[in-house]
Protein backbone atom coordinates (compact mmCIF):
# COMPACT_ATOMS: atom_id res chain seq x y z
CA UNK A 1 161.38 76.63 171.74
CA UNK A 2 164.09 75.47 169.76
CA UNK A 3 167.61 75.32 170.59
CA UNK A 4 168.22 78.06 168.07
CA UNK A 5 165.63 80.00 169.79
CA UNK A 6 166.91 79.39 173.62
CA UNK A 7 170.34 80.51 172.95
CA UNK A 8 169.36 83.91 170.80
CA UNK A 9 167.35 84.50 173.96
CA UNK A 10 169.95 83.94 176.12
CA UNK A 11 171.99 86.32 174.18
CA UNK A 12 169.86 88.81 174.64
CA UNK A 13 169.34 88.37 177.84
CA UNK A 14 173.20 88.50 178.44
CA UNK A 15 173.79 91.25 176.39
CA UNK A 16 170.67 93.59 178.41
CA UNK A 17 172.09 92.57 181.61
CA UNK A 18 175.60 93.86 180.58
CA UNK A 19 174.54 97.06 178.94
CA UNK A 20 172.44 97.61 182.62
CA UNK A 21 175.99 96.88 184.29
CA UNK A 22 177.75 99.25 182.02
CA UNK A 23 175.01 101.77 182.93
CA UNK A 24 175.29 101.63 186.45
CA UNK A 25 178.77 101.15 186.67
CA UNK A 26 179.77 104.97 184.14
CA UNK A 27 182.67 106.38 185.83
CA UNK A 28 181.90 108.80 189.00
CA UNK A 29 183.50 112.34 188.73
CA UNK A 30 187.12 112.58 188.72
CA UNK A 31 189.06 115.70 187.99
CA UNK A 32 193.21 115.23 186.81
CA UNK A 33 193.97 111.53 186.46
CA UNK A 34 195.64 110.17 189.69
CA UNK A 35 198.09 107.70 188.34
CA UNK A 36 199.82 110.17 186.10
CA UNK A 37 198.45 113.97 186.74
CA UNK A 38 198.37 113.97 190.36
CA UNK A 39 201.14 111.86 191.39
CA UNK A 40 203.38 114.16 189.37
CA UNK A 41 201.75 117.51 190.30
CA UNK A 42 202.75 115.93 194.14
CA UNK A 43 206.24 114.61 193.15
CA UNK A 44 207.26 118.18 191.35
CA UNK A 45 205.70 119.95 194.49
CA UNK A 46 207.79 117.95 197.02
CA UNK A 47 211.05 118.34 195.20
CA UNK A 48 210.74 121.94 194.98
CA UNK A 49 209.29 121.85 198.97
CA UNK A 50 211.81 122.16 201.87
CA UNK A 51 210.52 119.30 203.10
CA UNK A 52 213.66 117.04 202.84
CA UNK A 53 215.84 119.33 204.31
CA UNK A 54 213.38 119.48 207.59
CA UNK A 55 213.10 115.52 207.53
CA UNK A 56 217.28 115.63 207.32
CA UNK A 57 217.44 118.28 210.15
CA UNK A 58 214.70 116.65 212.50
CA UNK A 59 216.66 113.19 212.08
CA UNK A 60 220.28 114.07 212.24
CA UNK A 61 220.99 113.73 208.78
CA UNK A 62 219.28 110.06 208.80
CA UNK A 63 216.27 110.23 207.31
CA UNK A 64 214.61 111.98 204.20
CA UNK A 65 212.29 111.58 201.18
CA UNK A 66 213.61 108.19 200.17
CA UNK A 67 214.06 106.69 203.65
CA UNK A 68 211.42 104.01 204.70
CA UNK A 69 208.75 104.25 207.09
CA UNK A 70 206.55 101.66 208.74
CA UNK A 71 202.83 102.11 209.76
CA UNK A 72 202.24 99.19 212.41
CA UNK A 73 198.69 97.94 212.25
CA UNK A 74 198.08 97.86 215.63
CA UNK A 75 198.03 101.21 216.23
CA UNK A 76 195.73 102.17 213.74
CA UNK A 77 192.07 103.21 214.60
CA UNK A 78 189.63 100.81 212.37
CA UNK A 79 188.45 103.23 210.10
CA UNK A 80 192.47 104.30 209.10
CA UNK A 81 193.37 100.68 208.88
CA UNK A 82 190.09 100.06 206.83
CA UNK A 83 190.81 102.90 204.17
CA UNK A 84 194.84 101.47 203.96
CA UNK A 85 193.43 97.84 203.06
CA UNK A 86 190.56 99.20 200.63
CA UNK A 87 193.53 101.90 199.12
CA UNK A 88 195.94 99.29 198.39
CA UNK A 89 193.30 97.65 195.91
CA UNK A 90 193.28 100.74 193.74
CA UNK A 91 197.17 101.70 193.92
CA UNK A 92 198.87 101.02 190.56
CA UNK A 93 201.52 98.34 190.48
CA UNK A 94 203.60 101.20 188.79
CA UNK A 95 203.19 103.69 190.72
CA UNK A 96 205.75 103.83 193.65
CA UNK A 97 202.43 103.96 195.99
CA UNK A 98 201.98 100.54 196.83
CA UNK A 99 203.81 99.59 200.25
CA UNK A 100 205.62 96.28 201.31
CA UNK A 101 204.00 93.71 203.90
CA UNK A 102 201.44 94.27 205.77
CA UNK A 103 199.14 91.35 208.03
CA UNK A 104 199.68 88.15 207.04
CA UNK A 105 202.10 89.25 203.91
CA UNK A 106 204.90 86.86 205.26
CA UNK A 107 205.32 83.16 204.84
CA UNK A 108 206.25 81.10 207.69
CA UNK A 109 209.82 81.10 208.78
CA UNK A 110 210.37 77.40 206.88
CA UNK A 111 209.02 78.91 203.35
CA UNK A 112 212.02 79.09 201.09
CA UNK A 113 214.28 82.67 200.89
CA UNK A 114 213.03 83.75 197.69
CA UNK A 115 209.69 83.69 199.13
CA UNK A 116 210.35 86.34 201.99
CA UNK A 117 211.64 89.39 199.93
CA UNK A 118 209.37 91.24 200.02
CA UNK A 119 208.92 90.78 203.69
CA UNK A 120 209.01 93.37 206.53
CA UNK A 121 209.30 92.32 210.23
CA UNK A 122 205.88 92.00 212.38
CA UNK A 123 202.84 92.87 210.17
CA UNK A 124 204.09 96.48 209.30
CA UNK A 125 203.08 98.35 206.16
CA UNK A 126 206.75 99.98 204.74
CA UNK A 127 206.95 102.58 202.25
CA UNK A 128 209.36 105.62 201.50
CA UNK A 129 207.98 109.14 203.14
CA UNK A 130 207.22 110.28 199.16
CA UNK A 131 205.68 107.24 198.50
CA UNK A 132 203.11 107.79 201.83
CA UNK A 133 202.62 110.99 199.65
CA UNK A 134 201.65 109.49 196.80
CA UNK A 135 199.57 106.69 198.80
CA UNK A 136 197.80 109.66 200.33
CA UNK A 137 197.15 110.73 196.80
CA UNK A 138 195.08 107.04 195.66
CA UNK A 139 193.69 107.01 199.67
CA UNK A 140 191.58 110.44 198.81
CA UNK A 141 189.92 108.25 196.37
CA UNK A 142 188.74 105.70 198.72
CA UNK A 143 185.74 105.53 198.32
CA UNK A 144 184.88 108.10 195.34
CA UNK A 145 182.33 109.26 196.94
CA UNK A 146 185.07 111.33 198.82
CA UNK A 147 185.09 113.40 195.42
CA UNK A 148 181.66 115.02 196.60
CA UNK A 149 184.07 117.44 198.80
CA UNK A 150 186.15 118.52 195.96
CA UNK A 151 183.89 121.23 194.42
CA UNK A 152 183.36 124.97 194.80
CA UNK A 153 179.53 126.62 194.89
CA UNK A 154 178.95 127.85 191.57
CA UNK A 155 177.42 131.12 193.08
CA UNK A 156 179.47 131.61 196.33
CA UNK A 157 183.07 130.22 196.20
CA UNK A 158 182.73 130.32 200.32
CA UNK A 159 179.80 128.54 201.13
CA UNK A 160 179.67 125.99 203.01
CA UNK A 161 177.90 123.38 200.61
CA UNK A 162 177.54 123.16 197.06
CA UNK A 163 175.36 122.40 194.41
CA UNK A 164 175.29 121.79 190.72
CA UNK A 165 171.66 123.48 188.94
CA UNK A 166 172.34 121.33 185.61
CA UNK A 167 173.01 118.24 186.82
CA UNK A 168 169.54 116.47 187.70
CA UNK A 169 168.99 114.47 191.24
CA UNK A 170 168.03 111.40 190.07
CA UNK A 171 170.98 111.46 187.39
CA UNK A 172 173.76 111.71 189.89
CA UNK A 173 172.13 109.59 192.42
CA UNK A 174 172.24 106.93 189.74
CA UNK A 175 175.87 107.01 188.86
CA UNK A 176 177.06 107.77 191.93
CA UNK A 177 175.39 105.24 194.20
CA UNK A 178 175.90 103.02 191.37
CA UNK A 179 179.82 103.37 190.98
CA UNK A 180 180.58 103.23 194.70
CA UNK A 181 178.64 99.62 195.05
CA UNK A 182 175.57 100.43 196.07
CA UNK A 183 171.74 98.02 195.46
CA UNK A 184 169.80 99.25 192.62
CA UNK A 185 167.13 99.69 195.21
CA UNK A 186 169.41 102.83 196.71
CA UNK A 187 169.17 104.59 193.72
CA UNK A 188 165.57 105.54 194.64
CA UNK A 189 166.16 105.88 198.47
CA UNK A 190 169.86 107.61 199.08
CA UNK A 191 169.75 111.33 198.76
CA UNK A 192 172.15 112.35 195.79
CA UNK A 193 175.85 112.85 196.10
CA UNK A 194 175.67 116.69 195.75
CA UNK A 195 172.82 118.16 197.64
CA UNK A 196 174.59 119.89 200.80
CA UNK A 197 177.60 118.10 200.10
CA UNK A 198 180.18 119.99 201.91
CA UNK A 199 182.51 122.32 199.52
CA UNK A 200 186.04 121.88 199.45
CA UNK A 201 186.01 125.46 201.10
CA UNK A 202 184.34 123.65 204.51
CA UNK A 203 186.53 120.75 204.28
CA UNK A 204 189.53 122.85 204.79
CA UNK A 205 188.10 125.19 207.42
CA UNK A 206 186.22 122.79 209.14
CA UNK A 207 187.53 119.34 209.01
CA UNK A 208 184.82 116.23 209.87
CA UNK A 209 186.36 115.07 212.99
CA UNK A 210 185.31 111.17 211.65
CA UNK A 211 187.31 111.53 208.27
CA UNK A 212 190.44 109.63 208.94
CA UNK A 213 192.22 111.64 206.09
CA UNK A 214 190.60 115.00 207.18
CA UNK A 215 193.02 118.24 208.50
CA UNK A 216 192.11 117.29 212.01
CA UNK A 217 193.73 113.81 212.11
CA UNK A 218 196.79 115.55 210.15
CA UNK A 219 197.54 117.49 212.77
CA UNK A 220 197.52 114.81 215.03
CA UNK A 221 199.64 112.60 213.35
CA UNK A 222 201.89 115.80 212.81
CA UNK A 223 202.15 116.30 216.88
CA UNK A 224 202.88 112.54 217.70
CA UNK A 225 205.59 112.22 214.76
CA UNK A 226 207.35 114.66 217.40
CA UNK A 227 206.25 114.13 221.09
CA UNK A 228 205.88 110.63 220.31
CA UNK A 229 208.23 108.52 223.16
CA UNK A 230 209.35 105.56 221.18
CA UNK A 231 210.86 106.13 217.27
CA UNK A 232 208.68 103.56 216.14
CA UNK A 233 205.82 105.51 216.91
CA UNK A 234 207.18 108.48 215.64
CA UNK A 235 207.94 106.81 212.34
CA UNK A 236 204.29 105.39 212.44
CA UNK A 237 202.40 108.92 212.70
CA UNK A 238 205.06 110.51 210.21
CA UNK A 239 203.86 107.98 207.42
CA UNK A 240 199.82 108.99 208.52
CA UNK A 241 200.69 112.28 208.14
CA UNK A 242 202.59 112.02 204.85
CA UNK A 243 199.45 110.25 203.83
CA UNK A 244 197.09 112.65 205.11
CA UNK A 245 199.43 115.67 203.00
CA UNK A 246 198.48 113.51 199.89
CA UNK A 247 194.87 113.52 200.37
CA UNK A 248 195.32 117.16 201.19
CA UNK A 249 197.06 118.01 198.23
CA UNK A 250 194.35 116.11 195.78
CA UNK A 251 191.81 118.06 197.24
CA UNK A 252 193.91 121.36 196.47
CA UNK A 253 194.81 120.31 193.28
CA UNK A 254 191.41 119.20 192.00
CA UNK A 255 190.06 122.32 193.19
CA UNK A 256 192.35 124.33 190.34
CA UNK A 257 189.97 122.50 188.00
CA UNK A 258 187.67 124.24 186.10
CA UNK A 259 184.38 121.93 186.48
CA UNK A 260 185.48 121.92 190.31
CA UNK A 261 186.26 125.53 191.32
CA UNK A 262 182.51 126.44 189.23
CA UNK A 263 180.68 123.41 190.44
CA UNK A 264 180.19 121.68 187.68
CA UNK A 265 179.51 117.81 187.88
CA UNK A 266 177.32 117.52 184.86
CA UNK A 267 181.03 118.09 183.04
CA UNK A 268 182.39 115.02 184.60
CA UNK A 269 180.13 113.30 182.68
CA UNK A 270 180.72 114.48 178.58
CA UNK A 271 180.94 112.33 175.97
CA UNK A 272 185.02 111.58 175.39
CA UNK A 273 184.71 109.29 171.91
CA UNK A 274 181.62 108.39 170.16
CA UNK A 275 181.63 104.61 172.16
CA UNK A 276 178.21 104.86 174.68
CA UNK A 277 179.42 104.56 177.99
CA UNK A 278 182.93 106.68 178.02
CA UNK A 279 182.10 109.84 179.65
CA UNK A 280 184.38 111.38 181.74
CA UNK A 281 185.84 115.21 182.16
CA UNK A 282 187.62 116.17 178.68
CA UNK A 283 190.21 118.67 180.50
CA UNK A 284 191.71 115.49 182.26
CA UNK A 285 191.78 113.11 179.68
CA UNK A 286 193.75 115.90 177.23
CA UNK A 287 196.29 116.15 180.14
CA UNK A 288 196.75 112.56 180.47
CA UNK A 289 196.63 112.05 176.67
CA UNK A 290 199.16 114.83 176.05
CA UNK A 291 201.69 114.84 178.94
CA UNK A 292 201.49 111.88 180.89
CA UNK A 293 203.21 111.91 183.98
CA UNK A 294 207.15 112.82 182.82
CA UNK A 295 205.87 116.08 180.27
CA UNK A 296 204.12 118.43 182.63
CA UNK A 297 204.44 121.97 181.78
CA UNK A 298 206.28 122.37 185.34
CA UNK A 299 207.38 125.66 186.38
CA UNK A 300 211.05 126.33 186.85
CA UNK A 301 213.23 124.56 189.58
CA UNK A 302 213.72 126.09 192.85
CA UNK A 303 216.94 127.00 194.04
CA UNK A 304 218.11 124.47 196.47
CA UNK A 305 219.85 127.10 198.35
CA UNK A 306 216.52 129.56 198.88
CA UNK A 307 214.72 128.44 202.02
CA UNK A 308 210.93 128.16 200.32
CA UNK A 309 207.88 130.02 201.79
CA UNK A 310 204.04 129.52 202.39
CA UNK A 311 201.82 131.88 199.83
CA UNK A 312 199.27 131.44 202.52
CA UNK A 313 198.83 131.31 205.77
CA UNK A 314 195.78 129.06 206.01
CA UNK A 315 194.70 125.74 204.11
CA UNK A 316 191.88 127.77 202.76
CA UNK A 317 194.06 130.55 201.24
CA UNK A 318 195.36 128.26 199.27
CA UNK A 319 192.42 127.42 197.47
CA UNK A 320 190.87 131.33 197.29
CA UNK A 321 192.83 133.98 197.52
CA UNK A 322 192.52 136.11 200.44
CA UNK A 323 193.89 139.19 198.79
CA UNK A 324 193.63 138.70 195.28
CA UNK A 325 195.09 142.04 194.15
CA UNK A 326 198.50 140.73 195.11
CA UNK A 327 198.34 136.93 194.61
CA UNK A 328 195.72 134.72 192.93
CA UNK A 329 195.38 130.77 193.91
CA UNK A 330 194.56 128.08 190.79
CA UNK A 331 191.16 127.90 191.78
CA UNK A 332 190.79 131.77 191.52
CA UNK A 333 191.76 131.50 188.21
CA UNK A 334 189.85 128.61 186.89
CA UNK A 335 186.75 130.34 188.51
CA UNK A 336 186.85 133.69 187.21
CA UNK A 337 189.09 133.27 183.93
CA UNK A 338 188.35 129.88 182.66
CA UNK A 339 184.91 127.88 181.51
CA UNK A 340 183.85 124.45 182.15
CA UNK A 341 181.91 122.45 179.82
CA UNK A 342 178.02 123.21 181.83
CA UNK A 343 179.34 127.65 182.33
CA UNK A 344 179.30 127.83 178.21
CA UNK A 345 176.88 130.23 176.47
CA UNK A 346 173.43 128.39 175.08
CA UNK A 347 173.38 127.96 171.30
CA UNK A 348 171.93 131.00 169.95
CA UNK A 349 171.82 132.84 166.30
CA UNK A 350 174.50 135.93 166.35
CA UNK A 351 174.20 138.97 164.36
CA UNK A 352 176.83 138.80 161.85
CA UNK A 353 176.86 142.14 160.86
CA UNK A 354 177.78 143.25 164.09
CA UNK A 355 181.44 143.49 165.34
CA UNK A 356 184.18 140.97 166.82
CA UNK A 357 183.86 142.61 170.14
CA UNK A 358 180.35 143.45 170.43
CA UNK A 359 179.28 139.91 169.88
CA UNK A 360 182.23 138.71 172.15
CA UNK A 361 180.86 140.97 174.73
CA UNK A 362 177.42 140.33 174.53
CA UNK A 363 178.34 136.10 175.10
CA UNK A 364 180.39 136.78 177.99
CA UNK A 365 178.01 139.33 179.76
CA UNK A 366 175.83 135.40 180.24
CA UNK A 367 178.48 134.15 182.22
CA UNK A 368 180.73 134.37 185.62
CA UNK A 369 183.84 136.06 184.88
CA UNK A 370 186.26 138.65 185.94
CA UNK A 371 185.87 141.77 184.63
CA UNK A 372 189.43 141.41 182.71
CA UNK A 373 188.96 139.28 180.79
CA UNK A 374 185.57 140.26 179.22
CA UNK A 375 187.84 143.56 178.14
CA UNK A 376 188.63 143.39 174.50
CA UNK A 377 187.34 140.05 174.30
CA UNK A 378 186.54 138.99 170.29
CA UNK A 379 185.37 136.60 167.96
CA UNK A 380 188.28 135.54 165.61
CA UNK A 381 187.41 134.90 162.71
CA UNK A 382 184.35 137.00 162.38
CA UNK A 383 181.67 136.86 160.83
CA UNK A 384 182.80 132.85 160.27
CA UNK A 385 181.26 129.70 160.46
CA UNK A 386 184.31 128.14 162.45
CA UNK A 387 186.47 130.55 165.36
CA UNK A 388 187.02 131.19 168.99
CA UNK A 389 186.25 133.52 171.53
CA UNK A 390 189.10 135.23 173.05
CA UNK A 391 189.91 137.68 176.10
CA UNK A 392 191.50 140.40 175.76
CA UNK A 393 195.46 138.73 176.11
CA UNK A 394 194.57 136.46 172.58
CA UNK A 395 193.63 133.48 175.21
CA UNK A 396 191.23 131.22 173.77
CA UNK A 397 187.76 130.95 175.79
CA UNK A 398 185.64 128.60 174.04
CA UNK A 399 185.22 127.81 170.07
CA UNK A 400 182.16 128.48 168.04
CA UNK A 401 180.99 126.39 165.16
CA UNK A 402 177.79 127.74 162.70
CA UNK A 403 175.22 124.84 162.72
CA UNK A 404 172.02 125.63 160.58
CA UNK A 405 171.21 129.42 161.42
CA UNK A 406 172.65 129.06 164.80
CA UNK A 407 175.98 129.37 166.73
CA UNK A 408 177.30 126.05 169.13
CA UNK A 409 179.91 126.70 171.90
CA UNK A 410 182.20 124.35 173.08
CA UNK A 411 185.87 123.54 174.30
CA UNK A 412 188.01 121.94 172.03
CA UNK A 413 191.98 120.45 172.33
CA UNK A 414 193.24 124.30 171.36
CA UNK A 415 191.40 125.53 174.76
CA UNK A 416 191.95 122.22 177.03
CA UNK A 417 195.77 122.94 176.23
CA UNK A 418 195.81 126.66 177.07
CA UNK A 419 194.09 125.85 180.37
CA UNK A 420 196.47 123.28 181.12
CA UNK A 421 200.00 125.58 180.40
CA UNK A 422 198.28 128.11 182.85
CA UNK A 423 196.98 125.96 185.58
CA UNK A 424 199.51 123.34 186.09
CA UNK A 425 202.42 125.60 186.95
CA UNK A 426 200.38 127.57 189.64
CA UNK A 427 198.94 124.05 191.13
CA UNK A 428 202.29 122.75 191.65
CA UNK A 429 203.44 126.27 193.35
CA UNK A 430 200.10 125.94 195.62
CA UNK A 431 200.61 122.36 196.39
CA UNK A 432 204.58 123.18 197.39
CA UNK A 433 203.22 126.15 199.30
CA UNK A 434 201.08 123.64 201.34
CA UNK A 435 203.86 121.21 202.10
CA UNK A 436 206.21 123.77 203.55
CA UNK A 437 203.21 125.65 205.53
CA UNK A 438 202.42 122.14 207.08
CA UNK A 439 205.76 121.04 207.77
CA UNK A 440 208.12 124.39 208.13
CA UNK A 441 211.97 124.83 209.03
CA UNK A 442 212.89 125.90 212.56
CA UNK A 443 211.74 129.66 212.68
CA UNK A 444 215.07 130.72 213.53
CA UNK A 445 217.45 129.50 210.37
CA UNK A 446 220.93 128.42 211.45
CA UNK A 447 220.33 129.62 214.65
CA UNK A 448 220.07 127.02 217.63
CA UNK A 449 219.61 129.54 220.78
CA UNK A 450 216.51 130.95 220.02
CA UNK A 451 212.91 130.92 218.52
CA UNK A 452 210.67 133.67 216.69
CA UNK A 453 207.09 133.32 217.54
CA UNK A 454 204.90 134.64 214.83
CA UNK A 455 201.98 136.97 216.38
CA UNK A 456 199.56 135.04 215.02
CA UNK A 457 200.39 131.65 216.80
CA UNK A 458 198.42 130.94 220.06
CA UNK A 459 199.76 128.99 223.13
CA UNK A 460 203.49 128.83 221.62
CA UNK A 461 205.38 125.97 223.61
CA UNK A 462 208.57 124.60 224.06
CA UNK A 463 208.90 121.07 224.45
CA UNK A 464 212.31 119.73 225.81
CA UNK A 465 213.01 115.80 225.67
CA UNK A 466 215.98 113.95 226.65
CA UNK A 467 216.55 110.80 223.87
CA UNK A 468 218.59 107.80 224.92
CA UNK A 469 220.63 105.72 222.60
CA UNK A 470 217.43 103.89 221.34
CA UNK A 471 215.94 106.72 220.29
CA UNK A 472 213.39 106.64 223.05
CA UNK A 473 212.23 110.00 223.97
CA UNK A 474 211.13 111.61 227.41
CA UNK A 475 210.13 114.91 228.39
CA UNK A 476 211.89 116.82 230.52
CA UNK A 477 210.13 120.63 230.49
CA UNK A 478 207.85 122.69 229.23
CA UNK A 479 208.59 126.66 228.63
CA UNK A 480 205.29 128.88 227.46
CA UNK A 481 206.50 131.46 224.80
CA UNK A 482 205.71 135.28 223.84
CA UNK A 483 205.51 136.61 220.83
CA UNK A 484 208.81 137.67 219.25
CA UNK A 485 212.54 136.54 219.38
CA UNK A 486 212.75 134.26 222.22
CA UNK A 487 215.93 132.63 223.79
CA UNK A 488 215.78 128.30 224.29
CA UNK A 489 216.15 127.33 227.96
CA UNK A 490 219.35 125.73 228.74
CA UNK A 491 219.73 122.23 227.91
CA UNK A 492 219.04 119.43 230.80
CA UNK A 493 222.14 117.59 231.90
CA UNK A 494 222.90 114.16 229.31
CA UNK A 495 224.22 111.09 230.27
CA UNK A 496 226.19 109.19 227.81
CA UNK A 497 225.18 108.29 224.52
CA UNK A 498 221.85 110.73 225.15
CA UNK A 499 220.58 113.90 223.01
CA UNK A 500 218.51 117.15 224.07
CA UNK A 501 215.57 117.43 221.70
CA UNK A 502 213.99 120.69 221.70
CA UNK A 503 210.14 120.51 219.94
CA UNK A 504 207.90 123.65 219.49
CA UNK A 505 204.35 123.51 219.45
CA UNK A 506 201.82 126.35 218.38
CA UNK A 507 197.82 126.84 217.51
CA UNK A 508 197.22 128.90 214.21
CA UNK A 509 194.04 129.75 212.94
CA UNK A 510 192.26 127.63 210.50
CA UNK A 511 195.79 125.59 209.84
CA UNK A 512 197.33 122.70 211.59
CA UNK A 513 199.23 123.61 214.41
CA UNK A 514 202.45 124.21 214.48
CA UNK A 515 204.78 121.36 215.22
CA UNK A 516 208.53 122.19 214.39
CA UNK A 517 212.00 120.55 215.75
CA UNK A 518 215.25 121.91 216.48
CA UNK A 519 217.47 120.21 214.06
CA UNK A 520 219.13 117.46 216.07
CA UNK A 521 222.53 117.06 216.44
CA UNK A 522 224.67 114.95 218.22
CA UNK A 523 225.29 114.18 222.09
CA UNK A 524 228.39 115.84 223.41
CA UNK A 525 229.11 113.59 225.69
CA UNK A 526 229.02 110.81 222.47
CA UNK A 527 230.28 112.31 219.17
CA UNK A 528 230.34 109.36 217.72
CA UNK A 529 226.24 109.15 217.92
CA UNK A 530 225.86 110.39 214.06
CA UNK A 531 222.47 108.52 213.24
CA UNK A 532 219.51 108.22 214.70
CA UNK A 533 219.21 104.62 216.17
CA UNK A 534 216.94 101.68 215.11
CA UNK A 535 213.35 100.88 217.02
CA UNK A 536 213.13 98.01 218.56
CA UNK A 537 212.09 94.88 217.03
CA UNK A 538 208.22 94.03 216.55
CA UNK A 539 207.95 91.52 219.36
CA UNK A 540 209.06 94.57 221.66
CA UNK A 541 206.70 96.92 223.59
CA UNK A 542 208.16 99.75 221.57
CA UNK A 543 207.08 98.95 217.78
CA UNK A 544 207.74 96.85 215.05
CA UNK A 545 211.56 96.42 214.08
CA UNK A 546 213.20 98.88 211.68
CA UNK A 547 215.69 96.31 210.21
CA UNK A 548 216.63 96.85 206.62
CA UNK A 549 213.96 94.78 204.22
CA UNK A 550 215.76 93.23 201.02
CA UNK A 551 214.62 94.05 197.79
CA UNK A 552 215.07 93.48 194.10
CA UNK A 553 216.41 96.95 192.10
CA UNK A 554 213.68 98.40 190.27
CA UNK A 555 213.78 101.16 187.71
CA UNK A 556 212.98 104.43 188.88
CA UNK A 557 209.50 105.60 189.00
CA UNK A 558 208.15 107.30 186.13
CA UNK A 559 207.79 111.05 186.99
CA UNK A 560 208.86 114.60 185.74
CA UNK A 561 211.23 114.07 182.82
CA UNK A 562 211.50 117.73 182.28
CA UNK A 563 211.99 118.98 185.92
CA UNK A 564 216.29 118.92 186.27
CA UNK A 565 215.39 119.02 190.18
CA UNK A 566 213.00 116.54 191.16
CA UNK A 567 214.16 113.27 193.70
CA UNK A 568 215.60 110.16 191.59
CA UNK A 569 215.20 107.20 193.79
CA UNK A 570 218.44 104.43 192.72
CA UNK A 571 215.85 102.07 193.64
CA UNK A 572 212.30 100.52 195.11
CA UNK A 573 214.43 100.23 198.31
CA UNK A 574 214.78 103.17 200.84
CA UNK A 575 217.96 104.49 198.94
CA UNK A 576 218.36 108.35 200.13
CA UNK A 577 217.26 111.02 198.03
CA UNK A 578 220.79 112.57 197.56
CA UNK A 579 224.20 112.25 198.09
CA UNK A 580 226.03 109.09 198.93
CA UNK A 581 224.76 106.78 201.33
CA UNK A 582 227.40 106.85 204.28
CA UNK A 583 228.25 103.19 205.46
CA UNK A 584 226.82 103.73 209.01
CA UNK A 585 223.52 104.63 207.15
CA UNK A 586 223.53 108.41 206.91
CA UNK A 587 221.91 110.38 204.32
CA UNK A 588 223.25 113.32 202.50
CA UNK A 589 221.59 116.85 203.61
CA UNK A 590 221.22 118.38 200.09
CA UNK A 591 218.49 118.98 198.10
CA UNK A 592 216.92 115.36 196.57
CA UNK A 593 216.94 114.73 192.94
CA UNK A 594 213.62 114.29 191.26
CA UNK A 595 211.48 111.21 191.15
CA UNK A 596 211.82 110.82 187.21
CA UNK A 597 214.28 109.99 184.41
CA UNK A 598 217.25 111.67 183.51
CA UNK A 599 216.50 115.20 182.24
CA UNK A 600 216.11 115.66 178.54
């Protein structure tokens, strides 16, 4: 063989190998873009929630959305540590979700000061509270096979499993196993991801115990964030609770995508361009390109003087409304009023002599849509080679185009824009509601001498602690409570610089436990104690130090520019969410500004 022939053969081999790699590496199913849409939805939701106020009240005005929280790797379970380490590999540098520090991140003490600018004492990871929420959004994609529990079944939305009848088992197995790093042989031995996969409904109501991001783990971290003895432990568990919350928001936000709500996995492999391997979900790509992270069609800003309340009392109720007559979740809207790529009518002949309403009714009879959508639907224009099928409100459901003697049906940018404008504001509101459900305010606003126990709560208990100058808490009493308005027990005797801390816990049906702390006030024996004490150094038994970390100024994260109520951190450091940082390290109790640029 000649040299030229050898080069040609080698090039052909490389080309065929590259083609095989590209084929195996076809992206897996993803809904909203995580680095733009998901982050913008989560930031807009947390700003409209009462989370900042709750954090400020429980910490004595020293901890808010932009205060630093540390995760100590020594206190992590093996699956939690593996998740955190893998997630850091996929977090985008400009997302505001990349933590500082971590095991082995700091050089020795002899290293130049410049190389220690981003160090954290010990091996801890440090990030702001809102940063850990963002981190959880990325963690829900680690690995991408987790997306298998982001779908609802097409035939029965409340089914424990889901299945896509339009996607062949071999095709889904090939794409999913390859994308998750599986071997070539495993394509023929693994079960496909969507066959008997747990649905989003099942994951929310009966979470697996071995999932480090499940609602069950979230409950554990919420409890320890108030009940643990040392402040370092409480900060550690609060950070992990926020990570689980970010993952939970990711799941619920995805169920509002029509393809997820209708169990349409095939839609995620739609061609986005003429390039052979450019595949994905067209709606997600349209929203990413049209709005990015700064221009989503968000709802009106919430009134900061009005306490927000959850829309539903369970996690599942935020996905599928318990009473659709009074409130419809975005997942309900996506499932009953909107369509995805694989749930459109098949190409067929249409009678041009029939009326626009008759033709539309015949097409919609083939689809799973609510009666309100079918009523007064029509083809516009008709008869015509191109146009739209619109519902009774004039909204485009899908487009049609004549091809020979048949008509084909598809979704285009006009339909995607209408879907985005309808869904995104509702997704923000549902996400806000979930945050308020998980991080409630004290159930008697403004009152420090009583508590309101809901009839739906079980085994409500008041835990009384004494907190010393170093922030270490010791439990001094437990008081079971019945339903209704209950008085608080008298405070325990306090020493110099000590505080009394009251925590309420209660069980809720299909929802993480109620864990809420009475707003923390200064000790009557030491009125100068206005700040939460800092935890001891990492070398002590109680956990890592909370000493300040020197970091360079950074531009504000990309956020919702059209939202005047979203938080705007002044820098990449742990500056307070709103108001001016006091000389003693305290924060203003006002609501935070949005995490984005100046409102336009």
